[in-house]
């Protein structure tokens, strides 16, 4: 596959949300066809419904059946849902959940078979997508299972900050019992490797947040820092990972201390994502590190309240598409540079 024509598979997400709006608005950008070939896994009928609702007249998809038929200069679409599916803008429906799952399953199948190079996913309704073949909190966990990844890490990415979370889509009540030293170290390994291979950073600096208010103030408000987080940081450092902390989350973000690091590891979902979205909501990208394939998505949800109103910004989705292409090329460059490394010698033993 030519680097100029990477095939990007795009899942349409929940058909009652803003998925098609942000997809179409992104694909209207002429820069897209210059760097990749896009294939939406969805429904021409549903796409036409959204185009009409949004009054978009200067765009159309090229209908294909398999990725090999993709037109390199057009936005392509493969139908993978029931033609009788009904769009109900702004509503959470089971049929929309089924349509989002069928799209995801078809795209993942082609990604496994090498028919597409990258996966970019539009937002889904985490409740209605649930079924006998999808019993996961979200895309991240589903893709981990599909690609037999030992461990994955959700990293929220922007030009300003990159934030990973040790515990992802779990109830807050389970965070403290889920955290342990080994889990934190595994997540730090993934972030460190991703920052090097996916973001071309030589020796990335990673800030680790505490769990408790004020990072427990030396044990006054909890023991997790002393018993779990600090030992994890020490273990990471022994593995040549530049991890620092633990930092109190409020002051860390409030004082812009995050700008001094290449990555930030939060202990739980909202601890990392709340400040991230407050800083860069419309521009952020969700990237799944640790997979053998590349998957990104916008940093927002289905936004049912905006569906069909022509008010949704495509910026986050567009950035997700462009970032995925950048990561693909960065990984390829890293692999090429490290394919045949020069031999190393012990100068102390050389005469």
C-alpha atoms as a PDB file:
ATOM      1  CA  UNK A   1       0.000   0.000   0.000  1.00  0.00           C
ATOM      2  CA  UNK A   2       1.430   3.377  -1.014  1.00  0.00           C
ATOM      3  CA  UNK A   3       1.861   5.808   1.840  1.00  0.00           C
ATOM      4  CA  UNK A   4      -0.045   8.315  -0.268  1.00  0.00           C
ATOM      5  CA  UNK A   5      -3.056   6.051  -0.349  1.00  0.00           C
ATOM      6  CA  UNK A   6      -3.470   4.524   3.058  1.00  0.00           C
ATOM      7  CA  UNK A   7      -6.869   2.893   3.301  1.00  0.00           C
ATOM      8  CA  UNK A   8      -8.712   4.186   6.336  1.00  0.00           C
ATOM      9  CA  UNK A   9     -11.763   2.314   7.515  1.00  0.00           C
ATOM     10  CA  UNK A  10     -14.333   4.537   9.218  1.00  0.00           C
ATOM     11  CA  UNK A  11     -17.173   3.138  11.298  1.00  0.00           C
ATOM     12  CA  UNK A  12     -20.324   5.243  11.223  1.00  0.00           C
ATOM     13  CA  UNK A  13     -21.070   4.982  14.951  1.00  0.00           C
ATOM     14  CA  UNK A  14     -24.609   5.515  16.194  1.00  0.00           C
ATOM     15  CA  UNK A  15     -26.796   6.496  13.244  1.00  0.00           C
ATOM     16  CA  UNK A  16     -29.043   8.671  15.432  1.00  0.00           C
ATOM     17  CA  UNK A  17     -26.160  10.826  16.611  1.00  0.00           C
ATOM     18  CA  UNK A  18     -23.675  13.152  14.924  1.00  0.00           C
ATOM     19  CA  UNK A  19     -21.535  10.405  13.386  1.00  0.00           C
ATOM     20  CA  UNK A  20     -22.438  11.009   9.763  1.00  0.00           C
ATOM     21  CA  UNK A  21     -22.330  14.771  10.207  1.00  0.00           C
ATOM     22  CA  UNK A  22     -18.736  14.821  11.459  1.00  0.00           C
ATOM     23  CA  UNK A  23     -17.700  12.165   8.939  1.00  0.00           C
ATOM     24  CA  UNK A  24     -19.124  14.025   5.945  1.00  0.00           C
ATOM     25  CA  UNK A  25     -17.828  17.398   7.107  1.00  0.00           C
ATOM     26  CA  UNK A  26     -14.381  15.856   7.511  1.00  0.00           C
ATOM     27  CA  UNK A  27     -14.448  14.212   4.095  1.00  0.00           C
ATOM     28  CA  UNK A  28     -15.430  17.510   2.488  1.00  0.00           C
ATOM     29  CA  UNK A  29     -11.896  18.658   3.355  1.00  0.00           C
ATOM     30  CA  UNK A  30      -9.856  18.331   0.159  1.00  0.00           C
ATOM     31  CA  UNK A  31      -6.716  17.488   2.143  1.00  0.00           C
ATOM     32  CA  UNK A  32      -8.126  14.095   3.082  1.00  0.00           C
ATOM     33  CA  UNK A  33      -7.980  12.555  -0.394  1.00  0.00           C
ATOM     34  CA  UNK A  34      -4.422  13.806  -0.781  1.00  0.00           C
ATOM     35  CA  UNK A  35      -3.123  11.624   2.048  1.00  0.00           C
ATOM     36  CA  UNK A  36      -5.455   8.629   2.235  1.00  0.00           C
ATOM     37  CA  UNK A  37      -8.382   6.687   0.819  1.00  0.00           C
ATOM     38  CA  UNK A  38     -11.436   6.632   3.058  1.00  0.00           C
ATOM     39  CA  UNK A  39     -13.949   3.811   3.332  1.00  0.00           C
ATOM     40  CA  UNK A  40     -16.995   4.262   5.540  1.00  0.00           C
ATOM     41  CA  UNK A  41     -18.564   1.090   6.890  1.00  0.00           C
ATOM     42  CA  UNK A  42     -22.182   2.084   7.088  1.00  0.00           C
ATOM     43  CA  UNK A  43     -25.235   2.618   4.916  1.00  0.00           C
ATOM     44  CA  UNK A  44     -25.669   4.718   1.753  1.00  0.00           C
ATOM     45  CA  UNK A  45     -29.327   5.112   2.693  1.00  0.00           C
ATOM     46  CA  UNK A  46     -28.526   6.429   6.177  1.00  0.00           C
ATOM     47  CA  UNK A  47     -25.816   8.672   4.762  1.00  0.00           C
ATOM     48  CA  UNK A  48     -28.319  10.156   2.298  1.00  0.00           C
ATOM     49  CA  UNK A  49     -30.772  10.765   5.142  1.00  0.00           C
ATOM     50  CA  UNK A  50     -28.192  12.747   7.075  1.00  0.00           C
ATOM     51  CA  UNK A  51     -27.052  14.694   4.014  1.00  0.00           C
ATOM     52  CA  UNK A  52     -30.643  15.755   3.418  1.00  0.00           C
ATOM     53  CA  UNK A  53     -31.233  16.642   7.081  1.00  0.00           C
ATOM     54  CA  UNK A  54     -28.081  18.769   7.056  1.00  0.00           C
ATOM     55  CA  UNK A  55     -28.762  20.207   3.599  1.00  0.00           C
ATOM     56  CA  UNK A  56     -25.375  19.094   2.288  1.00  0.00           C
ATOM     57  CA  UNK A  57     -25.645  19.096  -1.495  1.00  0.00           C
ATOM     58  CA  UNK A  58     -21.994  19.146  -2.608  1.00  0.00           C
ATOM     59  CA  UNK A  59     -21.025  15.677  -1.374  1.00  0.00           C
ATOM     60  CA  UNK A  60     -21.756  12.069  -2.249  1.00  0.00           C
ATOM     61  CA  UNK A  61     -20.253   8.668  -1.459  1.00  0.00           C
ATOM     62  CA  UNK A  62     -18.900   6.172  -3.963  1.00  0.00           C
ATOM     63  CA  UNK A  63     -20.714   2.899  -3.252  1.00  0.00           C
ATOM     64  CA  UNK A  64     -18.473  -0.181  -3.170  1.00  0.00           C
ATOM     65  CA  UNK A  65     -18.757  -3.751  -1.909  1.00  0.00           C
ATOM     66  CA  UNK A  66     -15.169  -4.477  -0.895  1.00  0.00           C
ATOM     67  CA  UNK A  67     -12.173  -2.246  -0.031  1.00  0.00           C
ATOM     68  CA  UNK A  68     -10.356  -3.298  -3.194  1.00  0.00           C
ATOM     69  CA  UNK A  69     -12.969  -1.392  -5.230  1.00  0.00           C
ATOM     70  CA  UNK A  70     -12.274   1.906  -3.453  1.00  0.00           C
ATOM     71  CA  UNK A  71     -11.858   5.004  -5.590  1.00  0.00           C
ATOM     72  CA  UNK A  72      -8.651   6.720  -4.472  1.00  0.00           C
ATOM     73  CA  UNK A  73     -10.085  10.159  -5.211  1.00  0.00           C
ATOM     74  CA  UNK A  74     -13.512   9.711  -3.643  1.00  0.00           C
ATOM     75  CA  UNK A  75     -15.043   9.042  -0.260  1.00  0.00           C
ATOM     76  CA  UNK A  76     -16.216   5.421  -0.413  1.00  0.00           C
ATOM     77  CA  UNK A  77     -18.904   3.572   1.508  1.00  0.00           C
ATOM     78  CA  UNK A  78     -19.635  -0.127   2.064  1.00  0.00           C
ATOM     79  CA  UNK A  79     -23.144  -1.081   3.085  1.00  0.00           C
ATOM     80  CA  UNK A  80     -23.087  -3.364   6.130  1.00  0.00           C
ATOM     81  CA  UNK A  81     -26.449  -2.746   7.791  1.00  0.00           C
ATOM     82  CA  UNK A  82     -30.042  -3.708   7.111  1.00  0.00           C
ATOM     83  CA  UNK A  83     -31.523  -1.501   4.397  1.00  0.00           C
ATOM     84  CA  UNK A  84     -34.685  -1.196   6.480  1.00  0.00           C
ATOM     85  CA  UNK A  85     -32.867   0.399   9.416  1.00  0.00           C
ATOM     86  CA  UNK A  86     -34.656   3.492  10.677  1.00  0.00           C
ATOM     87  CA  UNK A  87     -32.980   6.751  11.612  1.00  0.00           C
ATOM     88  CA  UNK A  88     -34.495   8.523  14.616  1.00  0.00           C
ATOM     89  CA  UNK A  89     -32.366  11.585  15.168  1.00  0.00           C
ATOM     90  CA  UNK A  90     -31.427  12.238  18.764  1.00  0.00           C
ATOM     91  CA  UNK A  91     -32.883   8.989  20.100  1.00  0.00           C
ATOM     92  CA  UNK A  92     -31.184   6.016  21.718  1.00  0.00           C
ATOM     93  CA  UNK A  93     -32.590   2.935  19.966  1.00  0.00           C
ATOM     94  CA  UNK A  94     -31.677  -0.715  19.842  1.00  0.00           C
ATOM     95  CA  UNK A  95     -31.719  -0.796  16.036  1.00  0.00           C
ATOM     96  CA  UNK A  96     -29.185   2.039  15.933  1.00  0.00           C
ATOM     97  CA  UNK A  97     -26.995   0.109  18.363  1.00  0.00           C
ATOM     98  CA  UNK A  98     -27.165  -2.949  16.125  1.00  0.00           C
ATOM     99  CA  UNK A  99     -26.217  -0.830  13.107  1.00  0.00           C
ATOM    100  CA  UNK A 100     -23.187   0.565  14.918  1.00  0.00           C
ATOM    101  CA  UNK A 101     -22.068  -2.946  15.894  1.00  0.00           C
ATOM    102  CA  UNK A 102     -22.438  -4.301  12.350  1.00  0.00           C
ATOM    103  CA  UNK A 103     -20.309  -1.421  11.088  1.00  0.00           C
ATOM    104  CA  UNK A 104     -17.620  -2.091  13.685  1.00  0.00           C
ATOM    105  CA  UNK A 105     -17.565  -5.839  13.067  1.00  0.00           C
ATOM    106  CA  UNK A 106     -17.212  -5.401   9.294  1.00  0.00           C
ATOM    107  CA  UNK A 107     -14.402  -2.866   9.640  1.00  0.00           C
ATOM    108  CA  UNK A 108     -12.494  -4.954  12.196  1.00  0.00           C
ATOM    109  CA  UNK A 109     -12.751  -8.008   9.937  1.00  0.00           C
ATOM    110  CA  UNK A 110     -11.196  -6.108   7.037  1.00  0.00           C
ATOM    111  CA  UNK A 111      -8.557  -4.605   9.335  1.00  0.00           C
ATOM    112  CA  UNK A 112      -7.555  -8.093  10.497  1.00  0.00           C
ATOM    113  CA  UNK A 113      -7.303  -9.241   6.892  1.00  0.00           C
ATOM    114  CA  UNK A 114      -5.155  -6.286   5.874  1.00  0.00           C
ATOM    115  CA  UNK A 115      -7.750  -4.855   3.501  1.00  0.00           C
ATOM    116  CA  UNK A 116      -7.613  -1.515   5.335  1.00  0.00           C
ATOM    117  CA  UNK A 117      -4.640   0.010   7.124  1.00  0.00           C
ATOM    118  CA  UNK A 118      -6.218   2.098   9.882  1.00  0.00           C
ATOM    119  CA  UNK A 119      -9.459   2.237  11.856  1.00  0.00           C
ATOM    120  CA  UNK A 120     -11.198   5.481  12.851  1.00  0.00           C
ATOM    121  CA  UNK A 121     -14.384   5.022  14.847  1.00  0.00           C
ATOM    122  CA  UNK A 122     -17.304   7.417  15.180  1.00  0.00           C
ATOM    123  CA  UNK A 123     -19.039   7.547  18.592  1.00  0.00           C
ATOM    124  CA  UNK A 124     -21.413   4.793  19.677  1.00  0.00           C
ATOM    125  CA  UNK A 125     -24.097   4.574  22.342  1.00  0.00           C
ATOM    126  CA  UNK A 126     -22.433   2.288  24.893  1.00  0.00           C
ATOM    127  CA  UNK A 127     -25.803   0.994  26.076  1.00  0.00           C
ATOM    128  CA  UNK A 128     -27.563   0.105  22.827  1.00  0.00           C
ATOM    129  CA  UNK A 129     -24.497  -1.491  21.213  1.00  0.00           C
ATOM    130  CA  UNK A 130     -24.502  -4.182  23.891  1.00  0.00           C
ATOM    131  CA  UNK A 131     -25.361  -7.651  22.600  1.00  0.00           C
ATOM    132  CA  UNK A 132     -24.275 -11.259  22.806  1.00  0.00           C
ATOM    133  CA  UNK A 133     -21.275 -10.427  20.616  1.00  0.00           C
ATOM    134  CA  UNK A 134     -20.467  -7.094  22.294  1.00  0.00           C
ATOM    135  CA  UNK A 135     -20.300  -7.157  26.075  1.00  0.00           C
ATOM    136  CA  UNK A 136     -17.663  -4.471  26.599  1.00  0.00           C
ATOM    137  CA  UNK A 137     -17.668  -0.990  28.148  1.00  0.00           C
ATOM    138  CA  UNK A 138     -16.472   0.519  24.869  1.00  0.00           C
ATOM    139  CA  UNK A 139     -14.332   0.295  21.723  1.00  0.00           C
ATOM    140  CA  UNK A 140     -11.076   0.048  23.676  1.00  0.00           C
ATOM    141  CA  UNK A 141     -11.943  -3.163  25.473  1.00  0.00           C
ATOM    142  CA  UNK A 142     -13.564  -4.694  22.390  1.00  0.00           C
ATOM    143  CA  UNK A 143     -10.487  -4.074  20.236  1.00  0.00           C
ATOM    144  CA  UNK A 144      -8.198  -5.433  22.945  1.00  0.00           C
ATOM    145  CA  UNK A 145     -10.119  -8.708  22.786  1.00  0.00           C
ATOM    146  CA  UNK A 146     -10.371  -8.800  19.006  1.00  0.00           C
ATOM    147  CA  UNK A 147      -6.634  -8.367  18.514  1.00  0.00           C
ATOM    148  CA  UNK A 148      -5.566 -10.448  21.526  1.00  0.00           C
ATOM    149  CA  UNK A 149      -3.601  -7.545  23.002  1.00  0.00           C
ATOM    150  CA  UNK A 150      -2.030  -8.256  26.371  1.00  0.00           C
ATOM    151  CA  UNK A 151      -2.676  -4.708  27.571  1.00  0.00           C
ATOM    152  CA  UNK A 152      -3.983  -1.498  26.017  1.00  0.00           C
ATOM    153  CA  UNK A 153      -4.084   2.109  27.087  1.00  0.00           C
ATOM    154  CA  UNK A 154      -6.531   4.870  26.213  1.00  0.00           C
ATOM    155  CA  UNK A 155      -4.530   8.013  25.483  1.00  0.00           C
ATOM    156  CA  UNK A 156      -6.278  11.304  24.885  1.00  0.00           C
ATOM    157  CA  UNK A 157      -4.150  13.296  22.463  1.00  0.00           C
ATOM    158  CA  UNK A 158      -3.889  16.954  21.525  1.00  0.00           C
ATOM    159  CA  UNK A 159      -1.143  19.390  20.600  1.00  0.00           C
ATOM    160  CA  UNK A 160      -1.246  20.627  24.196  1.00  0.00           C
ATOM    161  CA  UNK A 161      -1.256  17.443  26.277  1.00  0.00           C
ATOM    162  CA  UNK A 162      -1.448  13.626  26.112  1.00  0.00           C
ATOM    163  CA  UNK A 163      -3.310  11.893  28.931  1.00  0.00           C
ATOM    164  CA  UNK A 164      -3.560   8.174  29.633  1.00  0.00           C
ATOM    165  CA  UNK A 165      -5.721   6.466  32.266  1.00  0.00           C
ATOM    166  CA  UNK A 166      -4.714   3.460  34.352  1.00  0.00           C
ATOM    167  CA  UNK A 167      -8.315   2.381  35.031  1.00  0.00           C
ATOM    168  CA  UNK A 168     -10.665   3.168  32.177  1.00  0.00           C
ATOM    169  CA  UNK A 169     -14.351   2.392  31.838  1.00  0.00           C
ATOM    170  CA  UNK A 170     -15.059   1.088  35.337  1.00  0.00           C
ATOM    171  CA  UNK A 171     -17.229   2.490  38.148  1.00  0.00           C
ATOM    172  CA  UNK A 172     -15.500   4.990  40.402  1.00  0.00           C
ATOM    173  CA  UNK A 173     -16.280   2.755  43.375  1.00  0.00           C
ATOM    174  CA  UNK A 174     -13.966   0.082  41.934  1.00  0.00           C
ATOM    175  CA  UNK A 175     -10.968   2.283  41.145  1.00  0.00           C
ATOM    176  CA  UNK A 176      -9.108   1.951  44.465  1.00  0.00           C
ATOM    177  CA  UNK A 177      -9.513  -1.825  44.572  1.00  0.00           C
ATOM    178  CA  UNK A 178      -8.475  -2.212  40.927  1.00  0.00           C
ATOM    179  CA  UNK A 179      -5.279  -0.178  41.197  1.00  0.00           C
ATOM    180  CA  UNK A 180      -2.089  -2.033  41.970  1.00  0.00           C
ATOM    181  CA  UNK A 181       1.599  -1.532  41.314  1.00  0.00           C
ATOM    182  CA  UNK A 182       1.787  -4.009  38.451  1.00  0.00           C
ATOM    183  CA  UNK A 183      -1.157  -2.462  36.594  1.00  0.00           C
ATOM    184  CA  UNK A 184       0.327   1.031  36.806  1.00  0.00           C
ATOM    185  CA  UNK A 185       3.706  -0.219  35.606  1.00  0.00           C
ATOM    186  CA  UNK A 186       2.113  -2.020  32.652  1.00  0.00           C
ATOM    187  CA  UNK A 187       0.278   1.126  31.628  1.00  0.00           C
ATOM    188  CA  UNK A 188       3.462   3.201  31.973  1.00  0.00           C
ATOM    189  CA  UNK A 189       5.311   0.757  29.732  1.00  0.00           C
ATOM    190  CA  UNK A 190       2.651   1.115  27.051  1.00  0.00           C
ATOM    191  CA  UNK A 191       2.641   4.910  27.248  1.00  0.00           C
ATOM    192  CA  UNK A 192       6.419   5.106  27.157  1.00  0.00           C
ATOM    193  CA  UNK A 193       6.635   2.796  24.151  1.00  0.00           C
ATOM    194  CA  UNK A 194       3.832   4.606  22.350  1.00  0.00           C
ATOM    195  CA  UNK A 195       5.398   8.012  22.911  1.00  0.00           C
ATOM    196  CA  UNK A 196       8.624   6.673  21.398  1.00  0.00           C
ATOM    197  CA  UNK A 197       7.228   4.652  18.477  1.00  0.00           C
ATOM    198  CA  UNK A 198       3.967   6.432  17.686  1.00  0.00           C
ATOM    199  CA  UNK A 199       4.929  10.024  18.518  1.00  0.00           C
ATOM    200  CA  UNK A 200       8.685   9.934  17.743  1.00  0.00           C
ATOM    201  CA  UNK A 201       9.822  11.137  21.169  1.00  0.00           C
ATOM    202  CA  UNK A 202      13.319  10.008  22.152  1.00  0.00           C
ATOM    203  CA  UNK A 203      13.178   9.979  25.967  1.00  0.00           C
ATOM    204  CA  UNK A 204       9.614  10.919  26.914  1.00  0.00           C
ATOM    205  CA  UNK A 205       8.881  12.375  30.344  1.00  0.00           C
ATOM    206  CA  UNK A 206       5.719  11.014  31.976  1.00  0.00           C
ATOM    207  CA  UNK A 207       3.949  12.641  34.912  1.00  0.00           C
ATOM    208  CA  UNK A 208       2.020  10.276  37.196  1.00  0.00           C
ATOM    209  CA  UNK A 209      -0.952  11.642  39.135  1.00  0.00           C
ATOM    210  CA  UNK A 210      -1.907  10.632  42.647  1.00  0.00           C
ATOM    211  CA  UNK A 211      -5.225   9.019  43.471  1.00  0.00           C
ATOM    212  CA  UNK A 212      -6.266  10.973  46.554  1.00  0.00           C
ATOM    213  CA  UNK A 213      -6.749  14.728  47.087  1.00  0.00           C
ATOM    214  CA  UNK A 214      -3.346  16.450  47.315  1.00  0.00           C
ATOM    215  CA  UNK A 215      -1.775  13.079  46.441  1.00  0.00           C
ATOM    216  CA  UNK A 216      -2.716  12.120  50.045  1.00  0.00           C
ATOM    217  CA  UNK A 217      -0.465  14.747  51.710  1.00  0.00           C
ATOM    218  CA  UNK A 218       2.001  12.075  52.846  1.00  0.00           C
ATOM    219  CA  UNK A 219      -0.661   9.651  53.979  1.00  0.00           C
ATOM    220  CA  UNK A 220      -3.078  12.056  55.639  1.00  0.00           C
ATOM    221  CA  UNK A 221      -5.804  11.291  53.054  1.00  0.00           C
ATOM    222  CA  UNK A 222      -5.077   7.767  51.922  1.00  0.00           C
ATOM    223  CA  UNK A 223      -2.276   5.250  51.535  1.00  0.00           C
ATOM    224  CA  UNK A 224      -2.444   4.379  47.817  1.00  0.00           C
ATOM    225  CA  UNK A 225       0.315   6.830  46.908  1.00  0.00           C
ATOM    226  CA  UNK A 226       2.800   5.353  49.390  1.00  0.00           C
ATOM    227  CA  UNK A 227       1.815   1.719  48.976  1.00  0.00           C
ATOM    228  CA  UNK A 228       1.053   1.502  45.242  1.00  0.00           C
ATOM    229  CA  UNK A 229       1.815   4.548  43.107  1.00  0.00           C
ATOM    230  CA  UNK A 230       5.290   5.507  44.375  1.00  0.00           C
ATOM    231  CA  UNK A 231       6.556   1.887  44.163  1.00  0.00           C
ATOM    232  CA  UNK A 232       5.173   1.734  40.598  1.00  0.00           C
ATOM    233  CA  UNK A 233       7.048   4.914  39.662  1.00  0.00           C
ATOM    234  CA  UNK A 234      10.231   3.500  41.175  1.00  0.00           C
ATOM    235  CA  UNK A 235       9.791   0.263  39.236  1.00  0.00           C
ATOM    236  CA  UNK A 236       9.252   2.203  36.009  1.00  0.00           C
ATOM    237  CA  UNK A 237      12.409   4.232  36.617  1.00  0.00           C
ATOM    238  CA  UNK A 238      14.381   1.021  37.122  1.00  0.00           C
ATOM    239  CA  UNK A 239      13.244   0.079  33.603  1.00  0.00           C
ATOM    240  CA  UNK A 240      14.576   3.363  32.208  1.00  0.00           C
ATOM    241  CA  UNK A 241      11.135   4.960  31.967  1.00  0.00           C
ATOM    242  CA  UNK A 242      11.239   8.637  32.919  1.00  0.00           C
ATOM    243  CA  UNK A 243       8.229   8.653  35.254  1.00  0.00           C
ATOM    244  CA  UNK A 244       7.745  11.372  37.867  1.00  0.00           C
ATOM    245  CA  UNK A 245       5.262  12.028  40.658  1.00  0.00           C
ATOM    246  CA  UNK A 246       2.795  11.421  42.091  1.00  0.00           C
ATOM    247  CA  UNK A 247       1.336  14.876  41.492  1.00  0.00           C
ATOM    248  CA  UNK A 248      -1.934  16.238  42.930  1.00  0.00           C
ATOM    249  CA  UNK A 249      -4.234  16.363  39.910  1.00  0.00           C
ATOM    250  CA  UNK A 250      -5.897  19.719  40.633  1.00  0.00           C
ATOM    251  CA  UNK A 251      -2.737  21.753  41.041  1.00  0.00           C
ATOM    252  CA  UNK A 252      -0.977  19.842  38.273  1.00  0.00           C
ATOM    253  CA  UNK A 253      -3.482  20.948  35.648  1.00  0.00           C
ATOM    254  CA  UNK A 254      -4.398  24.251  37.273  1.00  0.00           C
ATOM    255  CA  UNK A 255      -0.800  25.502  37.268  1.00  0.00           C
ATOM    256  CA  UNK A 256      -0.109  24.270  33.709  1.00  0.00           C
ATOM    257  CA  UNK A 257       2.571  21.939  35.077  1.00  0.00           C
ATOM    258  CA  UNK A 258       1.407  19.424  32.484  1.00  0.00           C
ATOM    259  CA  UNK A 259       3.127  21.451  29.761  1.00  0.00           C
ATOM    260  CA  UNK A 260       6.509  20.239  31.055  1.00  0.00           C
ATOM    261  CA  UNK A 261       5.756  16.588  30.267  1.00  0.00           C
ATOM    262  CA  UNK A 262       5.274  14.493  27.133  1.00  0.00           C
ATOM    263  CA  UNK A 263       2.549  12.389  28.735  1.00  0.00           C
ATOM    264  CA  UNK A 264       0.379  12.300  31.837  1.00  0.00           C
ATOM    265  CA  UNK A 265      -0.851   9.121  33.515  1.00  0.00           C
ATOM    266  CA  UNK A 266      -4.082   9.570  35.452  1.00  0.00           C
ATOM    267  CA  UNK A 267      -5.374   6.964  37.858  1.00  0.00           C
ATOM    268  CA  UNK A 268      -8.990   6.948  36.656  1.00  0.00           C
ATOM    269  CA  UNK A 269     -11.185   8.086  33.791  1.00  0.00           C
ATOM    270  CA  UNK A 270     -12.548  11.454  34.910  1.00  0.00           C
ATOM    271  CA  UNK A 271      -9.346  12.466  36.678  1.00  0.00           C
ATOM    272  CA  UNK A 272      -7.659  12.577  33.282  1.00  0.00           C
ATOM    273  CA  UNK A 273     -10.480  13.219  30.844  1.00  0.00           C
ATOM    274  CA  UNK A 274     -12.229  16.040  32.672  1.00  0.00           C
ATOM    275  CA  UNK A 275      -9.248  18.437  32.547  1.00  0.00           C
ATOM    276  CA  UNK A 276      -8.319  17.194  29.066  1.00  0.00           C
ATOM    277  CA  UNK A 277     -11.738  17.991  27.655  1.00  0.00           C
ATOM    278  CA  UNK A 278     -11.883  21.300  29.503  1.00  0.00           C
ATOM    279  CA  UNK A 279      -8.650  22.267  27.766  1.00  0.00           C
ATOM    280  CA  UNK A 280      -9.138  20.889  24.243  1.00  0.00           C
ATOM    281  CA  UNK A 281     -12.637  19.425  23.942  1.00  0.00           C
ATOM    282  CA  UNK A 282     -13.309  20.129  20.259  1.00  0.00           C
ATOM    283  CA  UNK A 283      -9.807  19.217  19.099  1.00  0.00           C
ATOM    284  CA  UNK A 284      -8.822  16.173  21.166  1.00  0.00           C
ATOM    285  CA  UNK A 285      -8.403  12.617  19.881  1.00  0.00           C
ATOM    286  CA  UNK A 286      -8.846   9.241  21.580  1.00  0.00           C
ATOM    287  CA  UNK A 287      -6.023   6.856  20.622  1.00  0.00           C
ATOM    288  CA  UNK A 288      -5.800   3.197  21.686  1.00  0.00           C
ATOM    289  CA  UNK A 289      -2.144   2.427  22.436  1.00  0.00           C
ATOM    290  CA  UNK A 290      -0.929  -1.141  22.797  1.00  0.00           C
ATOM    291  CA  UNK A 291      -2.777  -2.597  19.817  1.00  0.00           C
ATOM    292  CA  UNK A 292      -0.930  -4.130  16.841  1.00  0.00           C
ATOM    293  CA  UNK A 293      -3.176  -1.942  14.652  1.00  0.00           C
ATOM    294  CA  UNK A 294      -3.989   1.765  14.724  1.00  0.00           C
ATOM    295  CA  UNK A 295      -7.322   3.028  16.005  1.00  0.00           C
ATOM    296  CA  UNK A 296      -8.366   6.572  16.792  1.00  0.00           C
ATOM    297  CA  UNK A 297     -11.673   8.304  17.438  1.00  0.00           C
ATOM    298  CA  UNK A 298     -12.954  11.765  18.312  1.00  0.00           C
ATOM    299  CA  UNK A 299     -12.792  12.704  21.983  1.00  0.00           C
ATOM    300  CA  UNK A 300     -16.560  13.175  22.290  1.00  0.00           C
ATOM    301  CA  UNK A 301     -19.701  11.068  22.273  1.00  0.00           C
ATOM    302  CA  UNK A 302     -22.794  10.682  20.123  1.00  0.00           C
ATOM    303  CA  UNK A 303     -24.127  14.164  21.007  1.00  0.00           C
ATOM    304  CA  UNK A 304     -27.744  13.148  20.391  1.00  0.00           C
ATOM    305  CA  UNK A 305     -28.839  16.674  21.314  1.00  0.00           C
ATOM    306  CA  UNK A 306     -27.027  18.049  18.233  1.00  0.00           C
ATOM    307  CA  UNK A 307     -28.078  15.397  15.723  1.00  0.00           C
ATOM    308  CA  UNK A 308     -29.434  16.797  12.468  1.00  0.00           C
ATOM    309  CA  UNK A 309     -28.977  20.452  13.500  1.00  0.00           C
ATOM    310  CA  UNK A 310     -25.764  21.184  11.560  1.00  0.00           C
ATOM    311  CA  UNK A 311     -24.119  22.313  14.810  1.00  0.00           C
ATOM    312  CA  UNK A 312     -21.542  19.556  15.351  1.00  0.00           C
ATOM    313  CA  UNK A 313     -17.871  20.434  14.855  1.00  0.00           C
ATOM    314  CA  UNK A 314     -15.847  17.957  12.772  1.00  0.00           C
ATOM    315  CA  UNK A 315     -12.528  19.144  14.248  1.00  0.00           C
ATOM    316  CA  UNK A 316     -12.028  16.249  16.660  1.00  0.00           C
ATOM    317  CA  UNK A 317     -12.922  13.629  14.056  1.00  0.00           C
ATOM    318  CA  UNK A 318     -10.715  15.277  11.434  1.00  0.00           C
ATOM    319  CA  UNK A 319      -7.833  15.352  13.890  1.00  0.00           C
ATOM    320  CA  UNK A 320      -8.441  11.681  14.670  1.00  0.00           C
ATOM    321  CA  UNK A 321      -8.113  10.816  10.981  1.00  0.00           C
ATOM    322  CA  UNK A 322      -4.954  12.872  10.466  1.00  0.00           C
ATOM    323  CA  UNK A 323      -3.367  11.612  13.704  1.00  0.00           C
ATOM    324  CA  UNK A 324      -3.990   8.006  12.661  1.00  0.00           C
ATOM    325  CA  UNK A 325      -2.110   8.640   9.410  1.00  0.00           C
ATOM    326  CA  UNK A 326       0.760  10.278  11.299  1.00  0.00           C
ATOM    327  CA  UNK A 327       1.015   7.353  13.724  1.00  0.00           C
ATOM    328  CA  UNK A 328       1.004   4.861  10.850  1.00  0.00           C
ATOM    329  CA  UNK A 329       3.958   6.597   9.243  1.00  0.00           C
ATOM    330  CA  UNK A 330       5.761   7.084  12.560  1.00  0.00           C
ATOM    331  CA  UNK A 331       5.477   3.378  13.343  1.00  0.00           C
ATOM    332  CA  UNK A 332       6.708   2.443   9.914  1.00  0.00           C
ATOM    333  CA  UNK A 333       9.664   4.821  10.233  1.00  0.00           C
ATOM    334  CA  UNK A 334      10.523   3.443  13.677  1.00  0.00           C
ATOM    335  CA  UNK A 335      10.394  -0.136  12.415  1.00  0.00           C
ATOM    336  CA  UNK A 336      12.605   0.682   9.445  1.00  0.00           C
ATOM    337  CA  UNK A 337      15.145   2.502  11.625  1.00  0.00           C
ATOM    338  CA  UNK A 338      15.337  -0.420  14.056  1.00  0.00           C
ATOM    339  CA  UNK A 339      15.162  -3.301  11.614  1.00  0.00           C
ATOM    340  CA  UNK A 340      18.937  -3.819  11.387  1.00  0.00           C
ATOM    341  CA  UNK A 341      20.503  -1.951  14.290  1.00  0.00           C
ATOM    342  CA  UNK A 342      24.250  -1.496  14.359  1.00  0.00           C
ATOM    343  CA  UNK A 343      26.076  -3.994  16.570  1.00  0.00           C
ATOM    344  CA  UNK A 344      27.136  -2.752  19.990  1.00  0.00           C
ATOM    345  CA  UNK A 345      30.561  -3.241  21.463  1.00  0.00           C
ATOM    346  CA  UNK A 346      32.010  -3.098  24.973  1.00  0.00           C
ATOM    347  CA  UNK A 347      34.708  -0.493  24.592  1.00  0.00           C
ATOM    348  CA  UNK A 348      36.264  -1.508  27.913  1.00  0.00           C
ATOM    349  CA  UNK A 349      37.184  -4.896  26.461  1.00  0.00           C
ATOM    350  CA  UNK A 350      38.606  -3.605  23.196  1.00  0.00           C
ATOM    351  CA  UNK A 351      42.368  -3.382  22.866  1.00  0.00           C
END
